[in-house]
Amino acid sequence: DREVEFYAPEYLKGEIEKHIPKIVEKTNQTEEEVRETIQLAYTKITFIADAQIPVQFYMKAAPLVQDVDPNDIVFVALNEYMDELLWTGDMELYHGLRSKGYTKVITFEDIKKMFDL
């Protein structure tokens, strides 16, 4: 039985913070409930400081995201640094990376197929 480990750049926390009002609206939960759920999720994620990712990984990620969403550079840079699979629900990023031959990116649908869920 394998345990899955989740890693994310610190940048993700800022992105989530920006979207809290939208999350509250979509979930019909109070802001406090949303924040509690987010904090629980954070206990399952190892956050890596964006500055901890060596510059060469940002340089490798830049051309992959420049015409898709430059804000995603830190996610791809971290993925390269960790040499893992990037799990994303951002289909624009997913297809943009795949179209450039980047295969270290998966979606939840891919995971369901991999594990026959």
C-alpha atoms as a PDB file:
ATOM      1  CA  ASP A   1       0.000   0.000   0.000  1.00  0.00           C
ATOM      2  CA  ARG A   2       1.651   3.211  -1.183  1.00  0.00           C
ATOM      3  CA  GLU A   3       1.187   6.523   0.537  1.00  0.00           C
ATOM      4  CA  VAL A   4       0.824   9.580  -1.652  1.00  0.00           C
ATOM      5  CA  GLU A   5       2.772  12.679  -0.696  1.00  0.00           C
ATOM      6  CA  PHE A   6       1.680  16.128  -1.790  1.00  0.00           C
ATOM      7  CA  TYR A   7       4.056  19.029  -2.380  1.00  0.00           C
ATOM      8  CA  ALA A   8       3.196  22.555  -3.398  1.00  0.00           C
ATOM      9  CA  PRO A   9       4.958  25.880  -3.686  1.00  0.00           C
ATOM     10  CA  GLU A  10       4.181  28.470  -0.997  1.00  0.00           C
ATOM     11  CA  TYR A  11       2.686  30.488  -3.869  1.00  0.00           C
ATOM     12  CA  LEU A  12      -0.361  28.210  -3.707  1.00  0.00           C
ATOM     13  CA  LYS A  13      -1.372  29.646  -0.329  1.00  0.00           C
ATOM     14  CA  GLY A  14      -1.576  33.138  -1.811  1.00  0.00           C
ATOM     15  CA  GLU A  15      -3.594  31.877  -4.757  1.00  0.00           C
ATOM     16  CA  ILE A  16      -6.071  30.144  -2.467  1.00  0.00           C
ATOM     17  CA  GLU A  17      -6.315  33.228  -0.251  1.00  0.00           C
ATOM     18  CA  LYS A  18      -7.256  35.342  -3.286  1.00  0.00           C
ATOM     19  CA  HIS A  19     -10.128  32.998  -4.067  1.00  0.00           C
ATOM     20  CA  ILE A  20     -11.616  32.559  -0.582  1.00  0.00           C
ATOM     21  CA  PRO A  21     -14.668  34.759  -1.327  1.00  0.00           C
ATOM     22  CA  LYS A  22     -15.416  32.688  -4.428  1.00  0.00           C
ATOM     23  CA  ILE A  23     -14.948  29.433  -2.482  1.00  0.00           C
ATOM     24  CA  VAL A  24     -17.329  30.686   0.226  1.00  0.00           C
ATOM     25  CA  GLU A  25     -19.891  31.583  -2.425  1.00  0.00           C
ATOM     26  CA  LYS A  26     -19.626  28.260  -4.289  1.00  0.00           C
ATOM     27  CA  THR A  27     -19.661  26.035  -1.180  1.00  0.00           C
ATOM     28  CA  ASN A  28     -22.356  27.835   0.813  1.00  0.00           C
ATOM     29  CA  GLN A  29     -20.075  27.567   3.848  1.00  0.00           C
ATOM     30  CA  THR A  30     -19.043  30.369   6.141  1.00  0.00           C
ATOM     31  CA  GLU A  31     -15.603  31.876   5.640  1.00  0.00           C
ATOM     32  CA  GLU A  32     -14.569  30.314   8.952  1.00  0.00           C
ATOM     33  CA  GLU A  33     -15.644  26.842   7.754  1.00  0.00           C
ATOM     34  CA  VAL A  34     -13.800  27.313   4.468  1.00  0.00           C
ATOM     35  CA  ARG A  35     -10.648  28.420   6.277  1.00  0.00           C
ATOM     36  CA  GLU A  36     -10.850  25.417   8.632  1.00  0.00           C
ATOM     37  CA  THR A  37     -11.124  23.061   5.652  1.00  0.00           C
ATOM     38  CA  ILE A  38      -8.193  24.758   3.926  1.00  0.00           C
ATOM     39  CA  GLN A  39      -6.080  24.485   7.085  1.00  0.00           C
ATOM     40  CA  LEU A  40      -6.912  20.771   7.292  1.00  0.00           C
ATOM     41  CA  ALA A  41      -5.847  20.316   3.653  1.00  0.00           C
ATOM     42  CA  TYR A  42      -2.613  22.190   4.373  1.00  0.00           C
ATOM     43  CA  THR A  43      -1.696  19.571   7.001  1.00  0.00           C
ATOM     44  CA  LYS A  44      -1.533  17.018   4.157  1.00  0.00           C
ATOM     45  CA  ILE A  45       0.765  19.136   1.958  1.00  0.00           C
ATOM     46  CA  THR A  46       4.462  19.836   2.296  1.00  0.00           C
ATOM     47  CA  PHE A  47       4.992  23.415   1.193  1.00  0.00           C
ATOM     48  CA  ILE A  48       8.256  24.384  -0.450  1.00  0.00           C
ATOM     49  CA  ALA A  49       9.361  28.014  -0.333  1.00  0.00           C
ATOM     50  CA  ASP A  50       9.358  29.396  -3.866  1.00  0.00           C
ATOM     51  CA  ALA A  51      12.900  30.749  -3.334  1.00  0.00           C
ATOM     52  CA  GLN A  52      14.090  27.261  -2.337  1.00  0.00           C
ATOM     53  CA  ILE A  53      13.543  26.048  -5.905  1.00  0.00           C
ATOM     54  CA  PRO A  54      16.840  26.524  -7.777  1.00  0.00           C
ATOM     55  CA  VAL A  55      16.759  29.064 -10.601  1.00  0.00           C
ATOM     56  CA  GLN A  56      17.607  26.497 -13.281  1.00  0.00           C
ATOM     57  CA  PHE A  57      14.213  24.862 -12.721  1.00  0.00           C
ATOM     58  CA  TYR A  58      12.447  28.193 -13.248  1.00  0.00           C
ATOM     59  CA  MET A  59      14.465  28.603 -16.437  1.00  0.00           C
ATOM     60  CA  LYS A  60      13.324  25.186 -17.647  1.00  0.00           C
ATOM     61  CA  ALA A  61       9.691  25.931 -16.713  1.00  0.00           C
ATOM     62  CA  ALA A  62       9.505  29.408 -18.284  1.00  0.00           C
ATOM     63  CA  PRO A  63       9.195  28.366 -21.947  1.00  0.00           C
ATOM     64  CA  LEU A  64       6.674  25.682 -20.999  1.00  0.00           C
ATOM     65  CA  VAL A  65       4.238  28.135 -19.398  1.00  0.00           C
ATOM     66  CA  GLN A  66       4.971  31.469 -21.083  1.00  0.00           C
ATOM     67  CA  ASP A  67       2.137  31.249 -23.594  1.00  0.00           C
ATOM     68  CA  VAL A  68      -0.255  29.344 -21.309  1.00  0.00           C
ATOM     69  CA  ASP A  69      -0.114  31.101 -17.915  1.00  0.00           C
ATOM     70  CA  PRO A  70       3.183  32.568 -16.723  1.00  0.00           C
ATOM     71  CA  ASN A  71       1.818  32.500 -13.142  1.00  0.00           C
ATOM     72  CA  ASP A  72       2.066  28.697 -13.260  1.00  0.00           C
ATOM     73  CA  ILE A  73       5.857  28.827 -13.579  1.00  0.00           C
ATOM     74  CA  VAL A  74       6.418  28.021  -9.910  1.00  0.00           C
ATOM     75  CA  PHE A  75       4.275  24.855 -10.113  1.00  0.00           C
ATOM     76  CA  VAL A  76       6.200  23.527 -13.107  1.00  0.00           C
ATOM     77  CA  ALA A  77       9.541  24.600 -11.613  1.00  0.00           C
ATOM     78  CA  LEU A  78       8.739  22.751  -8.375  1.00  0.00           C
ATOM     79  CA  ASN A  79       7.647  19.712 -10.360  1.00  0.00           C
ATOM     80  CA  GLU A  80      10.946  19.684 -12.211  1.00  0.00           C
ATOM     81  CA  TYR A  81      12.877  20.225  -8.968  1.00  0.00           C
ATOM     82  CA  MET A  82      11.066  17.320  -7.285  1.00  0.00           C
ATOM     83  CA  ASP A  83      11.113  15.225 -10.494  1.00  0.00           C
ATOM     84  CA  GLU A  84       7.549  14.083  -9.942  1.00  0.00           C
ATOM     85  CA  LEU A  85       4.157  14.262 -11.643  1.00  0.00           C
ATOM     86  CA  LEU A  86       2.325  17.585 -11.615  1.00  0.00           C
ATOM     87  CA  TRP A  87      -1.302  16.964 -10.652  1.00  0.00           C
ATOM     88  CA  THR A  88      -3.514  19.739 -11.979  1.00  0.00           C
ATOM     89  CA  GLY A  89      -7.139  20.472 -12.630  1.00  0.00           C
ATOM     90  CA  ASP A  90      -6.137  23.429 -14.810  1.00  0.00           C
ATOM     91  CA  MET A  91      -6.936  21.968 -18.199  1.00  0.00           C
ATOM     92  CA  GLU A  92      -5.404  24.911 -20.042  1.00  0.00           C
ATOM     93  CA  LEU A  93      -2.099  24.247 -18.275  1.00  0.00           C
ATOM     94  CA  TYR A  94      -2.437  20.489 -18.765  1.00  0.00           C
ATOM     95  CA  HIS A  95      -3.048  20.731 -22.509  1.00  0.00           C
ATOM     96  CA  GLY A  96      -0.493  23.512 -22.926  1.00  0.00           C
ATOM     97  CA  LEU A  97       2.223  21.402 -21.302  1.00  0.00           C
ATOM     98  CA  ARG A  98       1.201  18.243 -23.160  1.00  0.00           C
ATOM     99  CA  SER A  99       1.225  20.095 -26.477  1.00  0.00           C
ATOM    100  CA  LYS A 100       4.896  20.893 -25.820  1.00  0.00           C
ATOM    101  CA  GLY A 101       5.721  17.253 -25.143  1.00  0.00           C
ATOM    102  CA  TYR A 102       5.759  17.654 -21.361  1.00  0.00           C
ATOM    103  CA  THR A 103       4.544  14.330 -20.014  1.00  0.00           C
ATOM    104  CA  LYS A 104       5.077  14.795 -16.263  1.00  0.00           C
ATOM    105  CA  VAL A 105       1.585  16.235 -15.802  1.00  0.00           C
ATOM    106  CA  ILE A 106      -1.618  14.384 -14.856  1.00  0.00           C
ATOM    107  CA  THR A 107      -5.261  15.094 -14.071  1.00  0.00           C
ATOM    108  CA  PHE A 108      -7.638  13.431 -11.649  1.00  0.00           C
ATOM    109  CA  GLU A 109      -9.091  11.544 -14.617  1.00  0.00           C
ATOM    110  CA  ASP A 110      -5.607  10.163 -15.355  1.00  0.00           C
ATOM    111  CA  ILE A 111      -5.263   9.087 -11.714  1.00  0.00           C
ATOM    112  CA  LYS A 112      -8.643   7.336 -11.788  1.00  0.00           C
ATOM    113  CA  LYS A 113      -7.536   5.391 -14.878  1.00  0.00           C
ATOM    114  CA  MET A 114      -4.130   4.548 -13.354  1.00  0.00           C
ATOM    115  CA  PHE A 115      -5.692   3.111 -10.220  1.00  0.00           C
ATOM    116  CA  ASP A 116      -8.873   1.776 -11.804  1.00  0.00           C
ATOM    117  CA  LEU A 117     -11.081   3.941  -9.593  1.00  0.00           C
END
